[in-house]
């Protein structure tokens, strides 16, 4: 009786290992594991600094408050598209 239980347990463990291998093989691997940023440090700093400088210039040079707000919103909305156009999607 003890041998049957051992054999059944061994089959169960082997089935579990085969299933893990199959799931790991079928799970898609995207990019390098652990890598979050695709852009260099200089690019990321530029992505942050350029819009901030543009917004600061708008708030210092444009006298109308409504126009300041609209131009700031335009910068925020256009930033992702400009980053992709200027730096490229895979930069």
C-alpha atoms as a PDB file:
ATOM      1  CA  UNK A   1       0.000   0.000   0.000  1.00  0.00           C
ATOM      2  CA  UNK A   2       2.823   2.403   0.865  1.00  0.00           C
ATOM      3  CA  UNK A   3       4.485   1.819  -2.496  1.00  0.00           C
ATOM      4  CA  UNK A   4       1.266   2.696  -4.358  1.00  0.00           C
ATOM      5  CA  UNK A   5       1.017   5.995  -2.494  1.00  0.00           C
ATOM      6  CA  UNK A   6       4.654   6.782  -3.267  1.00  0.00           C
ATOM      7  CA  UNK A   7       4.121   5.969  -6.951  1.00  0.00           C
ATOM      8  CA  UNK A   8       0.945   8.072  -7.070  1.00  0.00           C
ATOM      9  CA  UNK A   9       2.736  10.982  -5.429  1.00  0.00           C
ATOM     10  CA  UNK A  10       5.666  10.658  -7.855  1.00  0.00           C
ATOM     11  CA  UNK A  11       3.243  10.754 -10.811  1.00  0.00           C
ATOM     12  CA  UNK A  12       1.540  13.805  -9.336  1.00  0.00           C
ATOM     13  CA  UNK A  13       4.852  15.630  -8.840  1.00  0.00           C
ATOM     14  CA  UNK A  14       6.015  14.752 -12.364  1.00  0.00           C
ATOM     15  CA  UNK A  15       2.701  15.994 -13.830  1.00  0.00           C
ATOM     16  CA  UNK A  16       3.032  19.257 -11.883  1.00  0.00           C
ATOM     17  CA  UNK A  17       6.589  19.781 -13.163  1.00  0.00           C
ATOM     18  CA  UNK A  18       5.562  19.091 -16.778  1.00  0.00           C
ATOM     19  CA  UNK A  19       2.696  21.574 -16.408  1.00  0.00           C
ATOM     20  CA  UNK A  20       5.059  24.257 -15.033  1.00  0.00           C
ATOM     21  CA  UNK A  21       7.464  23.740 -17.923  1.00  0.00           C
ATOM     22  CA  UNK A  22       4.627  23.954 -20.440  1.00  0.00           C
ATOM     23  CA  UNK A  23       3.174  27.121 -18.894  1.00  0.00           C
ATOM     24  CA  UNK A  24       6.604  28.756 -18.778  1.00  0.00           C
ATOM     25  CA  UNK A  25       7.232  27.853 -22.415  1.00  0.00           C
ATOM     26  CA  UNK A  26       3.847  29.174 -23.561  1.00  0.00           C
ATOM     27  CA  UNK A  27       4.023  32.428 -21.578  1.00  0.00           C
ATOM     28  CA  UNK A  28       5.275  35.199 -23.869  1.00  0.00           C
ATOM     29  CA  UNK A  29       8.558  36.841 -22.922  1.00  0.00           C
ATOM     30  CA  UNK A  30       8.459  40.549 -23.739  1.00  0.00           C
ATOM     31  CA  UNK A  31      11.737  42.442 -23.902  1.00  0.00           C
ATOM     32  CA  UNK A  32      14.380  42.068 -21.273  1.00  0.00           C
ATOM     33  CA  UNK A  33      13.103  41.152 -17.858  1.00  0.00           C
ATOM     34  CA  UNK A  34      13.676  43.863 -15.275  1.00  0.00           C
ATOM     35  CA  UNK A  35      14.240  46.683 -17.726  1.00  0.00           C
ATOM     36  CA  UNK A  36      11.702  49.450 -17.249  1.00  0.00           C
ATOM     37  CA  UNK A  37      13.109  52.420 -19.143  1.00  0.00           C
ATOM     38  CA  UNK A  38      13.693  52.307 -22.869  1.00  0.00           C
ATOM     39  CA  UNK A  39      15.168  55.775 -23.109  1.00  0.00           C
ATOM     40  CA  UNK A  40      18.543  56.999 -21.956  1.00  0.00           C
ATOM     41  CA  UNK A  41      18.891  59.220 -18.929  1.00  0.00           C
ATOM     42  CA  UNK A  42      19.599  62.260 -21.118  1.00  0.00           C
ATOM     43  CA  UNK A  43      16.474  61.653 -23.178  1.00  0.00           C
ATOM     44  CA  UNK A  44      14.328  61.341 -20.067  1.00  0.00           C
ATOM     45  CA  UNK A  45      15.775  64.532 -18.618  1.00  0.00           C
ATOM     46  CA  UNK A  46      15.065  66.310 -21.918  1.00  0.00           C
ATOM     47  CA  UNK A  47      11.499  64.982 -21.969  1.00  0.00           C
ATOM     48  CA  UNK A  48      10.959  66.581 -18.562  1.00  0.00           C
ATOM     49  CA  UNK A  49      12.983  69.793 -18.881  1.00  0.00           C
ATOM     50  CA  UNK A  50      11.912  71.041 -22.313  1.00  0.00           C
ATOM     51  CA  UNK A  51       8.175  71.192 -21.519  1.00  0.00           C
ATOM     52  CA  UNK A  52       8.896  72.692 -18.103  1.00  0.00           C
ATOM     53  CA  UNK A  53      11.012  75.430 -19.667  1.00  0.00           C
ATOM     54  CA  UNK A  54       8.362  76.044 -22.325  1.00  0.00           C
ATOM     55  CA  UNK A  55       5.649  76.282 -19.658  1.00  0.00           C
ATOM     56  CA  UNK A  56       7.796  78.638 -17.593  1.00  0.00           C
ATOM     57  CA  UNK A  57       8.372  80.846 -20.641  1.00  0.00           C
ATOM     58  CA  UNK A  58       4.636  80.882 -21.361  1.00  0.00           C
ATOM     59  CA  UNK A  59       3.759  81.824 -17.786  1.00  0.00           C
ATOM     60  CA  UNK A  60       6.401  84.587 -17.760  1.00  0.00           C
ATOM     61  CA  UNK A  61       5.807  86.078 -21.213  1.00  0.00           C
ATOM     62  CA  UNK A  62       2.071  85.677 -21.914  1.00  0.00           C
ATOM     63  CA  UNK A  63      -0.041  88.266 -20.072  1.00  0.00           C
ATOM     64  CA  UNK A  64      -3.521  86.655 -20.446  1.00  0.00           C
ATOM     65  CA  UNK A  65      -4.307  83.959 -17.868  1.00  0.00           C
ATOM     66  CA  UNK A  66      -6.716  82.024 -20.104  1.00  0.00           C
ATOM     67  CA  UNK A  67      -4.132  81.882 -22.899  1.00  0.00           C
ATOM     68  CA  UNK A  68      -1.465  80.687 -20.432  1.00  0.00           C
ATOM     69  CA  UNK A  69      -3.703  77.822 -19.303  1.00  0.00           C
ATOM     70  CA  UNK A  70      -4.620  76.845 -22.873  1.00  0.00           C
ATOM     71  CA  UNK A  71      -0.995  76.857 -24.036  1.00  0.00           C
ATOM     72  CA  UNK A  72       0.074  74.803 -21.015  1.00  0.00           C
ATOM     73  CA  UNK A  73      -2.652  72.245 -21.784  1.00  0.00           C
ATOM     74  CA  UNK A  74      -1.496  72.135 -25.417  1.00  0.00           C
ATOM     75  CA  UNK A  75       2.053  71.379 -24.256  1.00  0.00           C
ATOM     76  CA  UNK A  76       0.850  68.568 -22.005  1.00  0.00           C
ATOM     77  CA  UNK A  77      -1.373  67.072 -24.704  1.00  0.00           C
ATOM     78  CA  UNK A  78       1.203  67.319 -27.486  1.00  0.00           C
ATOM     79  CA  UNK A  79       4.173  66.061 -25.473  1.00  0.00           C
ATOM     80  CA  UNK A  80       3.674  62.286 -26.025  1.00  0.00           C
ATOM     81  CA  UNK A  81       3.276  62.725 -29.782  1.00  0.00           C
ATOM     82  CA  UNK A  82       6.327  64.973 -29.989  1.00  0.00           C
ATOM     83  CA  UNK A  83       8.446  62.541 -28.004  1.00  0.00           C
ATOM     84  CA  UNK A  84       7.552  59.725 -30.393  1.00  0.00           C
ATOM     85  CA  UNK A  85       8.123  61.890 -33.466  1.00  0.00           C
ATOM     86  CA  UNK A  86      11.426  63.363 -32.328  1.00  0.00           C
ATOM     87  CA  UNK A  87      12.998  60.494 -30.413  1.00  0.00           C
ATOM     88  CA  UNK A  88      11.329  57.582 -32.162  1.00  0.00           C
ATOM     89  CA  UNK A  89       9.247  54.790 -30.747  1.00  0.00           C
ATOM     90  CA  UNK A  90      12.162  52.441 -30.108  1.00  0.00           C
ATOM     91  CA  UNK A  91      14.702  55.043 -28.995  1.00  0.00           C
END
